[in-house]
Amino acid sequence: MSDKTPDRDAIQARHFAQCGREARFCAAVWIAAWVLCAAVTARFGYLPPDRRPDEPWLVLGIPGWVLFGVIIPWLVLICLTVWFAAVYLKEDEPIPDEAPVRSNSKEASDD
């Protein structure tokens, strides 16, 4: 193996670290979006009968809680997903087939 060819284990370690960063980002965004949507829809989506107004709060003909609790957060998430896929996701270098694989098994060392 030449000095310029990275070790297969080092490449896999970088891939694993990148996957971990991507997973943490996705989980954090998913949890934040769920909390926001649940909080807005729970707060404004249901009002007890004695507190309901005669005319519901409408924005462009859409109930306000639907617009601000579902539609806008989902549109923001779509934009965030496009940004994430275009900018944040990295195309890692492929693991070369000819790179040696280190093995800790006794069978590999007997060859």
PDB file of N, CA and C in Angstrom:
ATOM      1  N   MET A   1       0.855  -1.174   0.000  1.00  0.00           N
ATOM      2  CA  MET A   1       0.000   0.000   0.000  1.00  0.00           C
ATOM      3  C   MET A   1       0.893   1.227   0.000  1.00  0.00           C
ATOM      4  N   SER A   2       0.588   2.212  -0.849  1.00  0.00           N
ATOM      5  CA  SER A   2       1.407   3.415  -0.904  1.00  0.00           C
ATOM      6  C   SER A   2       1.044   4.340   0.237  1.00  0.00           C
ATOM      7  N   ASP A   3       1.932   5.306   0.471  1.00  0.00           N
ATOM      8  CA  ASP A   3       1.702   6.256   1.558  1.00  0.00           C
ATOM      9  C   ASP A   3       0.520   7.170   1.274  1.00  0.00           C
ATOM     10  N   LYS A   4       0.182   7.361  -0.011  1.00  0.00           N
ATOM     11  CA  LYS A   4      -0.916   8.256  -0.373  1.00  0.00           C
ATOM     12  C   LYS A   4      -2.283   7.591  -0.235  1.00  0.00           C
ATOM     13  N   THR A   5      -2.327   6.272  -0.238  1.00  0.00           N
ATOM     14  CA  THR A   5      -3.593   5.558  -0.108  1.00  0.00           C
ATOM     15  C   THR A   5      -3.973   5.483   1.363  1.00  0.00           C
ATOM     16  N   PRO A   6      -5.115   6.071   1.722  1.00  0.00           N
ATOM     17  CA  PRO A   6      -5.514   6.007   3.128  1.00  0.00           C
ATOM     18  C   PRO A   6      -5.878   4.589   3.528  1.00  0.00           C
ATOM     19  N   ASP A   7      -5.669   4.310   4.773  1.00  0.00           N
ATOM     20  CA  ASP A   7      -5.982   3.001   5.333  1.00  0.00           C
ATOM     21  C   ASP A   7      -7.497   2.783   5.301  1.00  0.00           C
ATOM     22  N   ARG A   8      -7.913   1.574   4.973  1.00  0.00           N
ATOM     23  CA  ARG A   8      -9.339   1.249   4.891  1.00  0.00           C
ATOM     24  C   ARG A   8     -10.048   1.525   6.220  1.00  0.00           C
ATOM     25  N   ASP A   9      -9.411   1.195   7.336  1.00  0.00           N
ATOM     26  CA  ASP A   9     -10.024   1.441   8.646  1.00  0.00           C
ATOM     27  C   ASP A   9     -10.191   2.935   8.910  1.00  0.00           C
ATOM     28  N   ALA A  10      -9.239   3.741   8.462  1.00  0.00           N
ATOM     29  CA  ALA A  10      -9.346   5.191   8.658  1.00  0.00           C
ATOM     30  C   ALA A  10     -10.502   5.761   7.848  1.00  0.00           C
ATOM     31  N   ILE A  11     -10.677   5.255   6.636  1.00  0.00           N
ATOM     32  CA  ILE A  11     -11.791   5.717   5.802  1.00  0.00           C
ATOM     33  C   ILE A  11     -13.112   5.322   6.455  1.00  0.00           C
ATOM     34  N   GLN A  12     -13.209   4.086   6.924  1.00  0.00           N
ATOM     35  CA  GLN A  12     -14.445   3.642   7.567  1.00  0.00           C
ATOM     36  C   GLN A  12     -14.720   4.439   8.839  1.00  0.00           C
ATOM     37  N   ALA A  13     -13.677   4.797   9.575  1.00  0.00           N
ATOM     38  CA  ALA A  13     -13.862   5.592  10.791  1.00  0.00           C
ATOM     39  C   ALA A  13     -14.409   6.978  10.446  1.00  0.00           C
ATOM     40  N   ARG A  14     -13.900   7.571   9.360  1.00  0.00           N
ATOM     41  CA  ARG A  14     -14.428   8.876   8.934  1.00  0.00           C
ATOM     42  C   ARG A  14     -15.875   8.760   8.480  1.00  0.00           C
ATOM     43  N   HIS A  15     -16.190   7.696   7.748  1.00  0.00           N
ATOM     44  CA  HIS A  15     -17.576   7.475   7.310  1.00  0.00           C
ATOM     45  C   HIS A  15     -18.494   7.321   8.520  1.00  0.00           C
ATOM     46  N   PHE A  16     -18.061   6.553   9.497  1.00  0.00           N
ATOM     47  CA  PHE A  16     -18.862   6.322  10.693  1.00  0.00           C
ATOM     48  C   PHE A  16     -19.080   7.621  11.463  1.00  0.00           C
ATOM     49  N   ALA A  17     -18.031   8.429  11.598  1.00  0.00           N
ATOM     50  CA  ALA A  17     -18.151   9.711  12.307  1.00  0.00           C
ATOM     51  C   ALA A  17     -19.106  10.649  11.574  1.00  0.00           C
ATOM     52  N   GLN A  18     -19.014  10.694  10.251  1.00  0.00           N
ATOM     53  CA  GLN A  18     -19.917  11.543   9.472  1.00  0.00           C
ATOM     54  C   GLN A  18     -21.357  11.070   9.618  1.00  0.00           C
ATOM     55  N   CYS A  19     -21.576   9.774   9.582  1.00  0.00           N
ATOM     56  CA  CYS A  19     -22.927   9.229   9.763  1.00  0.00           C
ATOM     57  C   CYS A  19     -23.483   9.588  11.136  1.00  0.00           C
ATOM     58  N   GLY A  20     -22.636   9.553  12.150  1.00  0.00           N
ATOM     59  CA  GLY A  20     -23.067   9.936  13.494  1.00  0.00           C
ATOM     60  C   GLY A  20     -23.482  11.392  13.566  1.00  0.00           C
ATOM     61  N   ARG A  21     -22.698  12.276  12.934  1.00  0.00           N
ATOM     62  CA  ARG A  21     -23.064  13.706  12.915  1.00  0.00           C
ATOM     63  C   ARG A  21     -24.383  13.923  12.186  1.00  0.00           C
ATOM     64  N   GLU A  22     -24.556  13.260  11.059  1.00  0.00           N
ATOM     65  CA  GLU A  22     -25.792  13.390  10.294  1.00  0.00           C
ATOM     66  C   GLU A  22     -26.989  12.859  11.087  1.00  0.00           C
ATOM     67  N   ALA A  23     -26.814  11.755  11.771  1.00  0.00           N
ATOM     68  CA  ALA A  23     -27.906  11.176  12.559  1.00  0.00           C
ATOM     69  C   ALA A  23     -28.293  12.090  13.728  1.00  0.00           C
ATOM     70  N   ARG A  24     -27.296  12.661  14.402  1.00  0.00           N
ATOM     71  CA  ARG A  24     -27.607  13.579  15.510  1.00  0.00           C
ATOM     72  C   ARG A  24     -28.342  14.819  15.006  1.00  0.00           C
ATOM     73  N   PHE A  25     -27.923  15.352  13.874  1.00  0.00           N
ATOM     74  CA  PHE A  25     -28.594  16.519  13.304  1.00  0.00           C
ATOM     75  C   PHE A  25     -30.047  16.179  12.963  1.00  0.00           C
ATOM     76  N   CYS A  26     -30.251  15.048  12.281  1.00  0.00           N
ATOM     77  CA  CYS A  26     -31.610  14.645  11.893  1.00  0.00           C
ATOM     78  C   CYS A  26     -32.492  14.409  13.112  1.00  0.00           C
ATOM     79  N   ALA A  27     -31.962  13.761  14.133  1.00  0.00           N
ATOM     80  CA  ALA A  27     -32.742  13.497  15.344  1.00  0.00           C
ATOM     81  C   ALA A  27     -33.110  14.800  16.052  1.00  0.00           C
ATOM     82  N   ALA A  28     -32.165  15.723  16.145  1.00  0.00           N
ATOM     83  CA  ALA A  28     -32.440  17.012  16.809  1.00  0.00           C
ATOM     84  C   ALA A  28     -33.500  17.798  16.057  1.00  0.00           C
ATOM     85  N   VAL A  29     -33.413  17.839  14.739  1.00  0.00           N
ATOM     86  CA  VAL A  29     -34.410  18.566  13.938  1.00  0.00           C
ATOM     87  C   VAL A  29     -35.769  17.893  14.054  1.00  0.00           C
ATOM     88  N   TRP A  30     -35.811  16.570  14.001  1.00  0.00           N
ATOM     89  CA  TRP A  30     -37.066  15.853  14.095  1.00  0.00           C
ATOM     90  C   TRP A  30     -37.742  16.108  15.449  1.00  0.00           C
ATOM     91  N   ILE A  31     -36.975  16.042  16.517  1.00  0.00           N
ATOM     92  CA  ILE A  31     -37.538  16.260  17.857  1.00  0.00           C
ATOM     93  C   ILE A  31     -38.028  17.695  18.002  1.00  0.00           C
ATOM     94  N   ALA A  32     -37.245  18.665  17.546  1.00  0.00           N
ATOM     95  CA  ALA A  32     -37.659  20.075  17.632  1.00  0.00           C
ATOM     96  C   ALA A  32     -38.931  20.309  16.822  1.00  0.00           C
ATOM     97  N   ALA A  33     -39.009  19.738  15.631  1.00  0.00           N
ATOM     98  CA  ALA A  33     -40.201  19.920  14.799  1.00  0.00           C
ATOM     99  C   ALA A  33     -41.423  19.272  15.447  1.00  0.00           C
ATOM    100  N   TRP A  34     -41.238  18.093  16.008  1.00  0.00           N
ATOM    101  CA  TRP A  34     -42.358  17.424  16.656  1.00  0.00           C
ATOM    102  C   TRP A  34     -42.858  18.239  17.847  1.00  0.00           C
ATOM    103  N   VAL A  35     -41.941  18.729  18.656  1.00  0.00           N
ATOM    104  CA  VAL A  35     -42.342  19.527  19.821  1.00  0.00           C
ATOM    105  C   VAL A  35     -43.071  20.792  19.377  1.00  0.00           C
ATOM    106  N   LEU A  36     -42.549  21.480  18.363  1.00  0.00           N
ATOM    107  CA  LEU A  36     -43.189  22.705  17.882  1.00  0.00           C
ATOM    108  C   LEU A  36     -44.584  22.413  17.344  1.00  0.00           C
ATOM    109  N   CYS A  37     -44.700  21.430  16.468  1.00  0.00           N
ATOM    110  CA  CYS A  37     -46.015  21.104  15.891  1.00  0.00           C
ATOM    111  C   CYS A  37     -47.001  20.662  16.969  1.00  0.00           C
ATOM    112  N   ALA A  38     -46.551  19.817  17.874  1.00  0.00           N
ATOM    113  CA  ALA A  38     -47.441  19.336  18.932  1.00  0.00           C
ATOM    114  C   ALA A  38     -47.865  20.476  19.859  1.00  0.00           C
ATOM    115  N   ALA A  39     -46.931  21.353  20.194  1.00  0.00           N
ATOM    116  CA  ALA A  39     -47.257  22.454  21.105  1.00  0.00           C
ATOM    117  C   ALA A  39     -48.259  23.424  20.476  1.00  0.00           C
ATOM    118  N   VAL A  40     -48.023  23.812  19.240  1.00  0.00           N
ATOM    119  CA  VAL A  40     -48.918  24.778  18.582  1.00  0.00           C
ATOM    120  C   VAL A  40     -50.293  24.169  18.350  1.00  0.00           C
ATOM    121  N   THR A  41     -50.332  22.937  17.851  1.00  0.00           N
ATOM    122  CA  THR A  41     -51.639  22.341  17.583  1.00  0.00           C
ATOM    123  C   THR A  41     -52.390  22.014  18.872  1.00  0.00           C
ATOM    124  N   ALA A  42     -51.693  21.629  19.914  1.00  0.00           N
ATOM    125  CA  ALA A  42     -52.365  21.355  21.181  1.00  0.00           C
ATOM    126  C   ALA A  42     -52.890  22.640  21.817  1.00  0.00           C
ATOM    127  N   ARG A  43     -52.110  23.699  21.695  1.00  0.00           N
ATOM    128  CA  ARG A  43     -52.507  24.969  22.328  1.00  0.00           C
ATOM    129  C   ARG A  43     -53.651  25.635  21.581  1.00  0.00           C
ATOM    130  N   PHE A  44     -53.572  25.657  20.253  1.00  0.00           N
ATOM    131  CA  PHE A  44     -54.551  26.418  19.475  1.00  0.00           C
ATOM    132  C   PHE A  44     -55.532  25.545  18.690  1.00  0.00           C
ATOM    133  N   GLY A  45     -55.248  24.257  18.556  1.00  0.00           N
ATOM    134  CA  GLY A  45     -56.110  23.387  17.761  1.00  0.00           C
ATOM    135  C   GLY A  45     -57.376  22.979  18.464  1.00  0.00           C
ATOM    136  N   TYR A  46     -57.319  22.920  19.758  1.00  0.00           N
ATOM    137  CA  TYR A  46     -58.520  22.556  20.502  1.00  0.00           C
ATOM    138  C   TYR A  46     -58.748  23.578  21.603  1.00  0.00           C
ATOM    139  N   LEU A  47     -59.896  24.186  21.574  1.00  0.00           N
ATOM    140  CA  LEU A  47     -60.316  25.087  22.642  1.00  0.00           C
ATOM    141  C   LEU A  47     -61.574  24.504  23.268  1.00  0.00           C
ATOM    142  N   PRO A  48     -61.665  24.547  24.579  1.00  0.00           N
ATOM    143  CA  PRO A  48     -62.890  24.057  25.221  1.00  0.00           C
ATOM    144  C   PRO A  48     -64.110  24.821  24.675  1.00  0.00           C
ATOM    145  N   PRO A  49     -65.256  24.187  24.666  1.00  0.00           N
ATOM    146  CA  PRO A  49     -66.451  24.814  24.076  1.00  0.00           C
ATOM    147  C   PRO A  49     -66.759  26.200  24.641  1.00  0.00           C
ATOM    148  N   ASP A  50     -66.489  26.419  25.921  1.00  0.00           N
ATOM    149  CA  ASP A  50     -66.817  27.724  26.505  1.00  0.00           C
ATOM    150  C   ASP A  50     -65.829  28.821  26.078  1.00  0.00           C
ATOM    151  N   ARG A  51     -64.679  28.462  25.513  1.00  0.00           N
ATOM    152  CA  ARG A  51     -63.681  29.463  25.091  1.00  0.00           C
ATOM    153  C   ARG A  51     -63.611  29.628  23.575  1.00  0.00           C
ATOM    154  N   ARG A  52     -64.394  28.876  22.831  1.00  0.00           N
ATOM    155  CA  ARG A  52     -64.345  28.946  21.370  1.00  0.00           C
ATOM    156  C   ARG A  52     -64.978  30.245  20.887  1.00  0.00           C
ATOM    157  N   PRO A  53     -64.298  30.921  19.967  1.00  0.00           N
ATOM    158  CA  PRO A  53     -64.904  32.137  19.398  1.00  0.00           C
ATOM    159  C   PRO A  53     -65.998  31.769  18.390  1.00  0.00           C
ATOM    160  N   ASP A  54     -66.871  32.744  18.119  1.00  0.00           N
ATOM    161  CA  ASP A  54     -67.919  32.508  17.123  1.00  0.00           C
ATOM    162  C   ASP A  54     -67.301  32.291  15.740  1.00  0.00           C
ATOM    163  N   GLU A  55     -66.290  33.077  15.434  1.00  0.00           N
ATOM    164  CA  GLU A  55     -65.567  32.958  14.169  1.00  0.00           C
ATOM    165  C   GLU A  55     -64.181  32.403  14.457  1.00  0.00           C
ATOM    166  N   PRO A  56     -63.798  31.299  13.847  1.00  0.00           N
ATOM    167  CA  PRO A  56     -62.450  30.776  14.092  1.00  0.00           C
ATOM    168  C   PRO A  56     -61.381  31.712  13.506  1.00  0.00           C
ATOM    169  N   TRP A  57     -60.210  31.652  14.075  1.00  0.00           N
ATOM    170  CA  TRP A  57     -59.089  32.461  13.618  1.00  0.00           C
ATOM    171  C   TRP A  57     -58.603  31.894  12.286  1.00  0.00           C
ATOM    172  N   LEU A  58     -58.821  32.647  11.201  1.00  0.00           N
ATOM    173  CA  LEU A  58     -58.466  32.201   9.867  1.00  0.00           C
ATOM    174  C   LEU A  58     -57.374  33.091   9.281  1.00  0.00           C
ATOM    175  N   VAL A  59     -56.450  32.458   8.571  1.00  0.00           N
ATOM    176  CA  VAL A  59     -55.416  33.174   7.829  1.00  0.00           C
ATOM    177  C   VAL A  59     -55.491  32.642   6.404  1.00  0.00           C
ATOM    178  N   LEU A  60     -55.887  33.496   5.474  1.00  0.00           N
ATOM    179  CA  LEU A  60     -56.070  33.091   4.082  1.00  0.00           C
ATOM    180  C   LEU A  60     -57.028  31.905   3.965  1.00  0.00           C
ATOM    181  N   GLY A  61     -58.035  31.877   4.813  1.00  0.00           N
ATOM    182  CA  GLY A  61     -59.037  30.828   4.781  1.00  0.00           C
ATOM    183  C   GLY A  61     -58.626  29.539   5.457  1.00  0.00           C
ATOM    184  N   ILE A  62     -57.450  29.511   6.043  1.00  0.00           N
ATOM    185  CA  ILE A  62     -56.947  28.321   6.733  1.00  0.00           C
ATOM    186  C   ILE A  62     -56.971  28.608   8.228  1.00  0.00           C
ATOM    187  N   PRO A  63     -57.437  27.662   9.039  1.00  0.00           N
ATOM    188  CA  PRO A  63     -57.370  27.896  10.484  1.00  0.00           C
ATOM    189  C   PRO A  63     -55.934  28.226  10.907  1.00  0.00           C
ATOM    190  N   GLY A  64     -55.786  29.220  11.768  1.00  0.00           N
ATOM    191  CA  GLY A  64     -54.464  29.681  12.179  1.00  0.00           C
ATOM    192  C   GLY A  64     -53.606  28.592  12.789  1.00  0.00           C
ATOM    193  N   TRP A  65     -54.224  27.709  13.565  1.00  0.00           N
ATOM    194  CA  TRP A  65     -53.430  26.658  14.199  1.00  0.00           C
ATOM    195  C   TRP A  65     -52.900  25.665  13.173  1.00  0.00           C
ATOM    196  N   VAL A  66     -53.636  25.450  12.071  1.00  0.00           N
ATOM    197  CA  VAL A  66     -53.155  24.561  11.010  1.00  0.00           C
ATOM    198  C   VAL A  66     -52.003  25.228  10.259  1.00  0.00           C
ATOM    199  N   LEU A  67     -52.156  26.500   9.959  1.00  0.00           N
ATOM    200  CA  LEU A  67     -51.113  27.219   9.227  1.00  0.00           C
ATOM    201  C   LEU A  67     -49.811  27.277  10.023  1.00  0.00           C
ATOM    202  N   PHE A  68     -49.903  27.703  11.294  1.00  0.00           N
ATOM    203  CA  PHE A  68     -48.688  27.895  12.093  1.00  0.00           C
ATOM    204  C   PHE A  68     -48.225  26.640  12.826  1.00  0.00           C
ATOM    205  N   GLY A  69     -49.092  25.644  12.938  1.00  0.00           N
ATOM    206  CA  GLY A  69     -48.702  24.422  13.632  1.00  0.00           C
ATOM    207  C   GLY A  69     -48.378  23.260  12.725  1.00  0.00           C
ATOM    208  N   VAL A  70     -48.791  23.345  11.446  1.00  0.00           N
ATOM    209  CA  VAL A  70     -48.550  22.232  10.535  1.00  0.00           C
ATOM    210  C   VAL A  70     -47.895  22.712   9.238  1.00  0.00           C
ATOM    211  N   ILE A  71     -48.549  23.590   8.511  1.00  0.00           N
ATOM    212  CA  ILE A  71     -48.094  23.952   7.167  1.00  0.00           C
ATOM    213  C   ILE A  71     -46.747  24.665   7.179  1.00  0.00           C
ATOM    214  N   ILE A  72     -46.622  25.731   7.939  1.00  0.00           N
ATOM    215  CA  ILE A  72     -45.356  26.483   7.960  1.00  0.00           C
ATOM    216  C   ILE A  72     -44.206  25.646   8.511  1.00  0.00           C
ATOM    217  N   PRO A  73     -44.371  24.927   9.639  1.00  0.00           N
ATOM    218  CA  PRO A  73     -43.259  24.086  10.082  1.00  0.00           C
ATOM    219  C   PRO A  73     -42.853  23.036   9.046  1.00  0.00           C
ATOM    220  N   TRP A  74     -43.811  22.448   8.353  1.00  0.00           N
ATOM    221  CA  TRP A  74     -43.466  21.442   7.349  1.00  0.00           C
ATOM    222  C   TRP A  74     -42.750  22.071   6.165  1.00  0.00           C
ATOM    223  N   LEU A  75     -43.165  23.258   5.750  1.00  0.00           N
ATOM    224  CA  LEU A  75     -42.452  23.947   4.666  1.00  0.00           C
ATOM    225  C   LEU A  75     -41.022  24.285   5.081  1.00  0.00           C
ATOM    226  N   VAL A  76     -40.850  24.709   6.330  1.00  0.00           N
ATOM    227  CA  VAL A  76     -39.503  24.978   6.838  1.00  0.00           C
ATOM    228  C   VAL A  76     -38.682  23.688   6.845  1.00  0.00           C
ATOM    229  N   LEU A  77     -39.291  22.589   7.251  1.00  0.00           N
ATOM    230  CA  LEU A  77     -38.582  21.306   7.263  1.00  0.00           C
ATOM    231  C   LEU A  77     -38.216  20.846   5.852  1.00  0.00           C
ATOM    232  N   ILE A  78     -39.068  21.100   4.881  1.00  0.00           N
ATOM    233  CA  ILE A  78     -38.742  20.746   3.494  1.00  0.00           C
ATOM    234  C   ILE A  78     -37.527  21.550   3.033  1.00  0.00           C
ATOM    235  N   CYS A  79     -37.524  22.846   3.309  1.00  0.00           N
ATOM    236  CA  CYS A  79     -36.372  23.680   2.942  1.00  0.00           C
ATOM    237  C   CYS A  79     -35.122  23.224   3.671  1.00  0.00           C
ATOM    238  N   LEU A  80     -35.241  22.893   4.935  1.00  0.00           N
ATOM    239  CA  LEU A  80     -34.099  22.415   5.712  1.00  0.00           C
ATOM    240  C   LEU A  80     -33.581  21.083   5.162  1.00  0.00           C
ATOM    241  N   THR A  81     -34.475  20.220   4.734  1.00  0.00           N
ATOM    242  CA  THR A  81     -34.068  18.948   4.156  1.00  0.00           C
ATOM    243  C   THR A  81     -33.305  19.151   2.854  1.00  0.00           C
ATOM    244  N   VAL A  82     -33.786  20.063   2.009  1.00  0.00           N
ATOM    245  CA  VAL A  82     -33.087  20.354   0.755  1.00  0.00           C
ATOM    246  C   VAL A  82     -31.704  20.920   1.055  1.00  0.00           C
ATOM    247  N   TRP A  83     -31.617  21.858   1.999  1.00  0.00           N
ATOM    248  CA  TRP A  83     -30.307  22.415   2.377  1.00  0.00           C
ATOM    249  C   TRP A  83     -29.398  21.319   2.918  1.00  0.00           C
ATOM    250  N   PHE A  84     -29.934  20.491   3.794  1.00  0.00           N
ATOM    251  CA  PHE A  84     -29.148  19.422   4.405  1.00  0.00           C
ATOM    252  C   PHE A  84     -28.589  18.486   3.345  1.00  0.00           C
ATOM    253  N   ALA A  85     -29.432  18.108   2.392  1.00  0.00           N
ATOM    254  CA  ALA A  85     -28.989  17.191   1.349  1.00  0.00           C
ATOM    255  C   ALA A  85     -27.981  17.843   0.409  1.00  0.00           C
ATOM    256  N   ALA A  86     -28.143  19.134   0.139  1.00  0.00           N
ATOM    257  CA  ALA A  86     -27.267  19.810  -0.821  1.00  0.00           C
ATOM    258  C   ALA A  86     -25.955  20.276  -0.214  1.00  0.00           C
ATOM    259  N   VAL A  87     -25.970  20.649   1.058  1.00  0.00           N
ATOM    260  CA  VAL A  87     -24.789  21.275   1.647  1.00  0.00           C
ATOM    261  C   VAL A  87     -24.129  20.397   2.707  1.00  0.00           C
ATOM    262  N   TYR A  88     -24.896  19.870   3.615  1.00  0.00           N
ATOM    263  CA  TYR A  88     -24.337  19.211   4.787  1.00  0.00           C
ATOM    264  C   TYR A  88     -23.899  17.779   4.517  1.00  0.00           C
ATOM    265  N   LEU A  89     -24.710  17.039   3.766  1.00  0.00           N
ATOM    266  CA  LEU A  89     -24.336  15.662   3.462  1.00  0.00           C
ATOM    267  C   LEU A  89     -23.070  15.674   2.621  1.00  0.00           C
ATOM    268  N   LYS A  90     -22.158  14.833   2.970  1.00  0.00           N
ATOM    269  CA  LYS A  90     -20.902  14.773   2.241  1.00  0.00           C
ATOM    270  C   LYS A  90     -20.821  13.459   1.478  1.00  0.00           C
ATOM    271  N   GLU A  91     -20.268  13.560   0.309  1.00  0.00           N
ATOM    272  CA  GLU A  91     -20.014  12.341  -0.442  1.00  0.00           C
ATOM    273  C   GLU A  91     -18.609  11.899  -0.078  1.00  0.00           C
ATOM    274  N   ASP A  92     -18.535  10.898   0.761  1.00  0.00           N
ATOM    275  CA  ASP A  92     -17.237  10.420   1.212  1.00  0.00           C
ATOM    276  C   ASP A  92     -16.534   9.664   0.106  1.00  0.00           C
ATOM    277  N   GLU A  93     -15.225   9.624   0.231  1.00  0.00           N
ATOM    278  CA  GLU A  93     -14.449   8.863  -0.732  1.00  0.00           C
ATOM    279  C   GLU A  93     -14.797   7.392  -0.587  1.00  0.00           C
ATOM    280  N   PRO A  94     -14.857   6.685  -1.701  1.00  0.00           N
ATOM    281  CA  PRO A  94     -15.170   5.264  -1.600  1.00  0.00           C
ATOM    282  C   PRO A  94     -14.019   4.496  -0.965  1.00  0.00           C
ATOM    283  N   ILE A  95     -14.372   3.392  -0.373  1.00  0.00           N
ATOM    284  CA  ILE A  95     -13.346   2.532   0.217  1.00  0.00           C
ATOM    285  C   ILE A  95     -12.765   1.695  -0.926  1.00  0.00           C
ATOM    286  N   PRO A  96     -11.483   1.840  -1.188  1.00  0.00           N
ATOM    287  CA  PRO A  96     -10.907   1.097  -2.311  1.00  0.00           C
ATOM    288  C   PRO A  96     -10.917  -0.405  -2.040  1.00  0.00           C
ATOM    289  N   ASP A  97     -11.186  -1.172  -3.086  1.00  0.00           N
ATOM    290  CA  ASP A  97     -11.231  -2.627  -2.950  1.00  0.00           C
ATOM    291  C   ASP A  97      -9.864  -3.219  -2.647  1.00  0.00           C
ATOM    292  N   GLU A  98      -8.822  -2.572  -3.153  1.00  0.00           N
ATOM    293  CA  GLU A  98      -7.492  -3.139  -2.964  1.00  0.00           C
ATOM    294  C   GLU A  98      -6.880  -2.786  -1.620  1.00  0.00           C
ATOM    295  N   ALA A  99      -7.540  -1.933  -0.841  1.00  0.00           N
ATOM    296  CA  ALA A  99      -6.994  -1.571   0.467  1.00  0.00           C
ATOM    297  C   ALA A  99      -7.050  -2.785   1.381  1.00  0.00           C
ATOM    298  N   PRO A 100      -5.990  -3.050   2.110  1.00  0.00           N
ATOM    299  CA  PRO A 100      -5.991  -4.221   2.992  1.00  0.00           C
ATOM    300  C   PRO A 100      -6.956  -4.029   4.155  1.00  0.00           C
ATOM    301  N   VAL A 101      -7.543  -5.122   4.551  1.00  0.00           N
ATOM    302  CA  VAL A 101      -8.467  -5.112   5.677  1.00  0.00           C
ATOM    303  C   VAL A 101      -7.742  -5.715   6.866  1.00  0.00           C
ATOM    304  N   ARG A 102      -7.694  -4.957   7.943  1.00  0.00           N
ATOM    305  CA  ARG A 102      -7.084  -5.484   9.159  1.00  0.00           C
ATOM    306  C   ARG A 102      -8.089  -6.363   9.860  1.00  0.00           C
ATOM    307  N   SER A 103      -7.635  -7.483  10.336  1.00  0.00           N
ATOM    308  CA  SER A 103      -8.525  -8.393  11.041  1.00  0.00           C
ATOM    309  C   SER A 103      -7.846  -8.841  12.320  1.00  0.00           C
ATOM    310  N   ASN A 104      -8.622  -8.958  13.351  1.00  0.00           N
ATOM    311  CA  ASN A 104      -8.088  -9.407  14.633  1.00  0.00           C
ATOM    312  C   ASN A 104      -8.244 -10.912  14.811  1.00  0.00           C
ATOM    313  N   SER A 105      -8.844 -11.571  13.813  1.00  0.00           N
ATOM    314  CA  SER A 105      -9.072 -13.003  13.970  1.00  0.00           C
ATOM    315  C   SER A 105      -7.774 -13.771  13.733  1.00  0.00           C
ATOM    316  N   LYS A 106      -7.676 -14.907  14.384  1.00  0.00           N
ATOM    317  CA  LYS A 106      -6.485 -15.740  14.262  1.00  0.00           C
ATOM    318  C   LYS A 106      -6.362 -16.337  12.861  1.00  0.00           C
ATOM    319  N   GLU A 107      -7.516 -16.604  12.218  1.00  0.00           N
ATOM    320  CA  GLU A 107      -7.499 -17.193  10.882  1.00  0.00           C
ATOM    321  C   GLU A 107      -6.828 -16.267   9.874  1.00  0.00           C
ATOM    322  N   ALA A 108      -7.018 -14.966  10.003  1.00  0.00           N
ATOM    323  CA  ALA A 108      -6.424 -14.024   9.057  1.00  0.00           C
ATOM    324  C   ALA A 108      -4.917 -13.974   9.233  1.00  0.00           C
ATOM    325  N   SER A 109      -4.421 -14.166  10.433  1.00  0.00           N
ATOM    326  CA  SER A 109      -2.988 -14.090  10.649  1.00  0.00           C
ATOM    327  C   SER A 109      -2.280 -15.393  10.280  1.00  0.00           C
ATOM    328  N   ASP A 110      -3.015 -16.489  10.128  1.00  0.00           N
ATOM    329  CA  ASP A 110      -2.407 -17.761   9.777  1.00  0.00           C
ATOM    330  C   ASP A 110      -2.103 -17.866   8.282  1.00  0.00           C
ATOM    331  N   ASP A 111      -2.680 -17.014   7.464  1.00  0.00           N
ATOM    332  CA  ASP A 111      -2.489 -17.088   6.006  1.00  0.00           C
ATOM    333  C   ASP A 111      -1.091 -16.819   5.597  1.00  0.00           C
TER     334      ASP A 111
END
